[in-house]
């Protein structure tokens, strides 16, 4: 396999680096969104549990 060194050396890597950074940002954003949704779900469950406990104490 022959590699054209001159073309390889003149290759501009910055578009790839930008793309890589954008993918990284997107993945981090997705991850933080998922975490936030999970945390909200936990809080809702906890709130329901507290409401049930409060209701059962009132009875």
Foldseek 3Di string as FASTA:
>chain_A
DDDDVVCVVVDDCVVVVVVVVVVVVVVVVVVVVVVVVVVVVVVVVVVVVVVVVVVVVVD
